[in-house]
PDB file of N, CA and C in Angstrom:
ATOM      1  N   MET A   1       2.197  -8.361 -20.023  1.00  0.00           N
ATOM      2  CA  MET A   1       3.028  -7.995 -18.881  1.00  0.00           C
ATOM      3  C   MET A   1       2.831  -6.514 -18.575  1.00  0.00           C
ATOM      4  N   THR A   2       2.648  -6.186 -17.316  1.00  0.00           N
ATOM      5  CA  THR A   2       2.447  -4.816 -16.886  1.00  0.00           C
ATOM      6  C   THR A   2       3.772  -4.223 -16.445  1.00  0.00           C
ATOM      7  N   GLN A   3       4.051  -3.023 -16.909  1.00  0.00           N
ATOM      8  CA  GLN A   3       5.261  -2.337 -16.470  1.00  0.00           C
ATOM      9  C   GLN A   3       4.850  -1.274 -15.461  1.00  0.00           C
ATOM     10  N   TYR A   4       5.534  -1.268 -14.327  1.00  0.00           N
ATOM     11  CA  TYR A   4       5.201  -0.328 -13.267  1.00  0.00           C
ATOM     12  C   TYR A   4       6.076   0.911 -13.368  1.00  0.00           C
ATOM     13  N   ASN A   5       5.490   2.038 -13.034  1.00  0.00           N
ATOM     14  CA  ASN A   5       6.198   3.306 -13.005  1.00  0.00           C
ATOM     15  C   ASN A   5       6.998   3.375 -11.705  1.00  0.00           C
ATOM     16  N   ALA A   6       8.284   3.682 -11.798  1.00  0.00           N
ATOM     17  CA  ALA A   6       9.153   3.736 -10.614  1.00  0.00           C
ATOM     18  C   ALA A   6       8.678   4.780  -9.617  1.00  0.00           C
ATOM     19  N   ASN A   7       8.205   5.927 -10.098  1.00  0.00           N
ATOM     20  CA  ASN A   7       7.717   6.969  -9.179  1.00  0.00           C
ATOM     21  C   ASN A   7       6.481   6.502  -8.430  1.00  0.00           C
ATOM     22  N   ASP A   8       5.599   5.772  -9.115  1.00  0.00           N
ATOM     23  CA  ASP A   8       4.417   5.237  -8.437  1.00  0.00           C
ATOM     24  C   ASP A   8       4.831   4.278  -7.329  1.00  0.00           C
ATOM     25  N   LEU A   9       5.808   3.442  -7.605  1.00  0.00           N
ATOM     26  CA  LEU A   9       6.273   2.489  -6.603  1.00  0.00           C
ATOM     27  C   LEU A   9       6.880   3.202  -5.393  1.00  0.00           C
ATOM     28  N   ILE A  10       7.648   4.241  -5.642  1.00  0.00           N
ATOM     29  CA  ILE A  10       8.249   5.013  -4.540  1.00  0.00           C
ATOM     30  C   ILE A  10       7.160   5.667  -3.692  1.00  0.00           C
ATOM     31  N   HIS A  11       6.183   6.299  -4.349  1.00  0.00           N
ATOM     32  CA  HIS A  11       5.094   6.949  -3.602  1.00  0.00           C
ATOM     33  C   HIS A  11       4.272   5.929  -2.833  1.00  0.00           C
ATOM     34  N   TYR A  12       4.015   4.789  -3.452  1.00  0.00           N
ATOM     35  CA  TYR A  12       3.246   3.722  -2.821  1.00  0.00           C
ATOM     36  C   TYR A  12       3.950   3.235  -1.555  1.00  0.00           C
ATOM     37  N   ARG A  13       5.248   2.934  -1.658  1.00  0.00           N
ATOM     38  CA  ARG A  13       5.991   2.419  -0.506  1.00  0.00           C
ATOM     39  C   ARG A  13       6.113   3.468   0.598  1.00  0.00           C
ATOM     40  N   ALA A  14       6.301   4.733   0.226  1.00  0.00           N
ATOM     41  CA  ALA A  14       6.386   5.798   1.226  1.00  0.00           C
ATOM     42  C   ALA A  14       5.057   5.951   1.964  1.00  0.00           C
ATOM     43  N   THR A  15       3.969   5.874   1.227  1.00  0.00           N
ATOM     44  CA  THR A  15       2.644   5.971   1.848  1.00  0.00           C
ATOM     45  C   THR A  15       2.402   4.792   2.777  1.00  0.00           C
ATOM     46  N   LEU A  16       2.781   3.587   2.353  1.00  0.00           N
ATOM     47  CA  LEU A  16       2.625   2.415   3.208  1.00  0.00           C
ATOM     48  C   LEU A  16       3.430   2.544   4.491  1.00  0.00           C
ATOM     49  N   ALA A  17       4.627   3.089   4.396  1.00  0.00           N
ATOM     50  CA  ALA A  17       5.456   3.278   5.587  1.00  0.00           C
ATOM     51  C   ALA A  17       4.755   4.197   6.582  1.00  0.00           C
ATOM     52  N   LEU A  18       4.156   5.260   6.078  1.00  0.00           N
ATOM     53  CA  LEU A  18       3.424   6.186   6.947  1.00  0.00           C
ATOM     54  C   LEU A  18       2.218   5.489   7.583  1.00  0.00           C
ATOM     55  N   ILE A  19       1.476   4.745   6.790  1.00  0.00           N
ATOM     56  CA  ILE A  19       0.286   4.059   7.298  1.00  0.00           C
ATOM     57  C   ILE A  19       0.687   3.019   8.356  1.00  0.00           C
ATOM     58  N   LYS A  20       1.755   2.267   8.104  1.00  0.00           N
ATOM     59  CA  LYS A  20       2.241   1.279   9.082  1.00  0.00           C
ATOM     60  C   LYS A  20       2.623   1.957  10.388  1.00  0.00           C
ATOM     61  N   HIS A  21       3.255   3.114  10.298  1.00  0.00           N
ATOM     62  CA  HIS A  21       3.628   3.860  11.500  1.00  0.00           C
ATOM     63  C   HIS A  21       2.377   4.275  12.279  1.00  0.00           C
ATOM     64  N   LEU A  22       1.351   4.716  11.565  1.00  0.00           N
ATOM     65  CA  LEU A  22       0.107   5.112  12.240  1.00  0.00           C
ATOM     66  C   LEU A  22      -0.547   3.920  12.941  1.00  0.00           C
ATOM     67  N   VAL A  23      -0.426   2.734  12.371  1.00  0.00           N
ATOM     68  CA  VAL A  23      -0.956   1.535  13.023  1.00  0.00           C
ATOM     69  C   VAL A  23      -0.139   1.232  14.283  1.00  0.00           C
ATOM     70  N   GLU A  24       1.178   1.314  14.168  1.00  0.00           N
ATOM     71  CA  GLU A  24       2.046   1.063  15.327  1.00  0.00           C
ATOM     72  C   GLU A  24       1.777   2.036  16.467  1.00  0.00           C
ATOM     73  N   GLU A  25       1.430   3.271  16.122  1.00  0.00           N
ATOM     74  CA  GLU A  25       1.135   4.293  17.130  1.00  0.00           C
ATOM     75  C   GLU A  25      -0.288   4.185  17.673  1.00  0.00           C
ATOM     76  N   GLY A  26      -1.103   3.324  17.093  1.00  0.00           N
ATOM     77  CA  GLY A  26      -2.464   3.142  17.560  1.00  0.00           C
ATOM     78  C   GLY A  26      -3.466   4.117  16.978  1.00  0.00           C
ATOM     79  N   VAL A  27      -3.055   4.894  16.013  1.00  0.00           N
ATOM     80  CA  VAL A  27      -3.957   5.863  15.387  1.00  0.00           C
ATOM     81  C   VAL A  27      -4.935   5.154  14.455  1.00  0.00           C
ATOM     82  N   LEU A  28      -4.453   4.120  13.762  1.00  0.00           N
ATOM     83  CA  LEU A  28      -5.280   3.312  12.866  1.00  0.00           C
ATOM     84  C   LEU A  28      -5.302   1.870  13.358  1.00  0.00           C
ATOM     85  N   THR A  29      -6.371   1.166  13.009  1.00  0.00           N
ATOM     86  CA  THR A  29      -6.473  -0.251  13.362  1.00  0.00           C
ATOM     87  C   THR A  29      -5.941  -1.115  12.215  1.00  0.00           C
ATOM     88  N   GLU A  30      -5.744  -2.393  12.503  1.00  0.00           N
ATOM     89  CA  GLU A  30      -5.314  -3.338  11.467  1.00  0.00           C
ATOM     90  C   GLU A  30      -6.363  -3.439  10.354  1.00  0.00           C
ATOM     91  N   LYS A  31      -7.636  -3.380  10.742  1.00  0.00           N
ATOM     92  CA  LYS A  31      -8.707  -3.440   9.749  1.00  0.00           C
ATOM     93  C   LYS A  31      -8.631  -2.237   8.813  1.00  0.00           C
ATOM     94  N   GLU A  32      -8.398  -1.063   9.381  1.00  0.00           N
ATOM     95  CA  GLU A  32      -8.259   0.135   8.558  1.00  0.00           C
ATOM     96  C   GLU A  32      -7.026   0.033   7.661  1.00  0.00           C
ATOM     97  N   TYR A  33      -5.953  -0.544   8.192  1.00  0.00           N
ATOM     98  CA  TYR A  33      -4.731  -0.738   7.408  1.00  0.00           C
ATOM     99  C   TYR A  33      -4.999  -1.615   6.189  1.00  0.00           C
ATOM    100  N   ARG A  34      -5.695  -2.714   6.379  1.00  0.00           N
ATOM    101  CA  ARG A  34      -6.012  -3.612   5.262  1.00  0.00           C
ATOM    102  C   ARG A  34      -6.856  -2.905   4.210  1.00  0.00           C
ATOM    103  N   ARG A  35      -7.803  -2.125   4.663  1.00  0.00           N
ATOM    104  CA  ARG A  35      -8.660  -1.382   3.728  1.00  0.00           C
ATOM    105  C   ARG A  35      -7.840  -0.362   2.945  1.00  0.00           C
ATOM    106  N   ILE A  36      -6.974   0.353   3.631  1.00  0.00           N
ATOM    107  CA  ILE A  36      -6.127   1.353   2.979  1.00  0.00           C
ATOM    108  C   ILE A  36      -5.188   0.685   1.977  1.00  0.00           C
ATOM    109  N   CYS A  37      -4.653  -0.481   2.319  1.00  0.00           N
ATOM    110  CA  CYS A  37      -3.780  -1.210   1.385  1.00  0.00           C
ATOM    111  C   CYS A  37      -4.523  -1.516   0.088  1.00  0.00           C
ATOM    112  N   GLY A  38      -5.758  -1.949   0.206  1.00  0.00           N
ATOM    113  CA  GLY A  38      -6.557  -2.225  -0.984  1.00  0.00           C
ATOM    114  C   GLY A  38      -6.768  -0.991  -1.831  1.00  0.00           C
ATOM    115  N   ILE A  39      -7.037   0.118  -1.178  1.00  0.00           N
ATOM    116  CA  ILE A  39      -7.239   1.382  -1.887  1.00  0.00           C
ATOM    117  C   ILE A  39      -5.950   1.810  -2.591  1.00  0.00           C
ATOM    118  N   LEU A  40      -4.828   1.705  -1.885  1.00  0.00           N
ATOM    119  CA  LEU A  40      -3.551   2.096  -2.477  1.00  0.00           C
ATOM    120  C   LEU A  40      -3.148   1.176  -3.624  1.00  0.00           C
ATOM    121  N   ASN A  41      -3.420  -0.119  -3.475  1.00  0.00           N
ATOM    122  CA  ASN A  41      -3.122  -1.055  -4.563  1.00  0.00           C
ATOM    123  C   ASN A  41      -3.844  -0.645  -5.840  1.00  0.00           C
ATOM    124  N   LYS A  42      -5.115  -0.283  -5.695  1.00  0.00           N
ATOM    125  CA  LYS A  42      -5.889   0.159  -6.857  1.00  0.00           C
ATOM    126  C   LYS A  42      -5.379   1.491  -7.390  1.00  0.00           C
ATOM    127  N   LYS A  43      -5.116   2.431  -6.489  1.00  0.00           N
ATOM    128  CA  LYS A  43      -4.674   3.762  -6.902  1.00  0.00           C
ATOM    129  C   LYS A  43      -3.384   3.691  -7.717  1.00  0.00           C
ATOM    130  N   TYR A  44      -2.451   2.882  -7.262  1.00  0.00           N
ATOM    131  CA  TYR A  44      -1.149   2.818  -7.916  1.00  0.00           C
ATOM    132  C   TYR A  44      -1.060   1.703  -8.958  1.00  0.00           C
ATOM    133  N   GLY A  45      -2.153   0.972  -9.161  1.00  0.00           N
ATOM    134  CA  GLY A  45      -2.214  -0.009 -10.235  1.00  0.00           C
ATOM    135  C   GLY A  45      -1.507  -1.319  -9.976  1.00  0.00           C
ATOM    136  N   PHE A  46      -1.436  -1.726  -8.709  1.00  0.00           N
ATOM    137  CA  PHE A  46      -0.806  -2.992  -8.368  1.00  0.00           C
ATOM    138  C   PHE A  46      -1.888  -4.034  -8.108  1.00  0.00           C
ATOM    139  N   PRO A  47      -2.055  -4.995  -9.008  1.00  0.00           N
ATOM    140  CA  PRO A  47      -3.052  -6.040  -8.772  1.00  0.00           C
ATOM    141  C   PRO A  47      -2.651  -6.896  -7.568  1.00  0.00           C
ATOM    142  N   SER A  48      -3.611  -7.608  -7.010  1.00  0.00           N
ATOM    143  CA  SER A  48      -3.363  -8.383  -5.786  1.00  0.00           C
ATOM    144  C   SER A  48      -2.251  -9.413  -5.944  1.00  0.00           C
ATOM    145  N   GLY A  49      -1.995  -9.890  -7.157  1.00  0.00           N
ATOM    146  CA  GLY A  49      -0.939 -10.866  -7.372  1.00  0.00           C
ATOM    147  C   GLY A  49       0.424 -10.260  -7.636  1.00  0.00           C
ATOM    148  N   SER A  50       0.516  -8.941  -7.621  1.00  0.00           N
ATOM    149  CA  SER A  50       1.770  -8.270  -7.917  1.00  0.00           C
ATOM    150  C   SER A  50       2.777  -8.481  -6.787  1.00  0.00           C
ATOM    151  N   ILE A  51       4.044  -8.587  -7.151  1.00  0.00           N
ATOM    152  CA  ILE A  51       5.077  -8.717  -6.115  1.00  0.00           C
ATOM    153  C   ILE A  51       5.249  -7.425  -5.351  1.00  0.00           C
ATOM    154  N   PHE A  52       4.735  -6.320  -5.866  1.00  0.00           N
ATOM    155  CA  PHE A  52       4.876  -5.034  -5.199  1.00  0.00           C
ATOM    156  C   PHE A  52       3.704  -4.719  -4.261  1.00  0.00           C
ATOM    157  N   ALA A  53       2.575  -5.381  -4.462  1.00  0.00           N
ATOM    158  CA  ALA A  53       1.375  -5.072  -3.666  1.00  0.00           C
ATOM    159  C   ALA A  53       1.513  -5.601  -2.250  1.00  0.00           C
ATOM    160  N   GLU A  54       1.116  -4.783  -1.310  1.00  0.00           N
ATOM    161  CA  GLU A  54       1.128  -5.180   0.079  1.00  0.00           C
ATOM    162  C   GLU A  54       0.005  -6.177   0.319  1.00  0.00           C
ATOM    163  N   LYS A  55       0.322  -7.260   0.963  1.00  0.00           N
ATOM    164  CA  LYS A  55      -0.669  -8.297   1.283  1.00  0.00           C
ATOM    165  C   LYS A  55      -1.069  -8.124   2.741  1.00  0.00           C
ATOM    166  N   ALA A  56      -2.121  -7.401   2.962  1.00  0.00           N
ATOM    167  CA  ALA A  56      -2.537  -7.124   4.336  1.00  0.00           C
ATOM    168  C   ALA A  56      -3.512  -8.152   4.842  1.00  0.00           C
TER     169      ALA A  56
END
């Protein structure tokens, strides 16, 4: 069982909120959003099956 760091989760969610806003504003595309989600999942250690990982 993997234990997640609370600070990592907070930083991850805050970063996702910013990225989602950039997509809504048209600065980033959905394709770029999906790619960034994958990068962030790896950076913060959330495997694709994690309940915390964004499924883009």
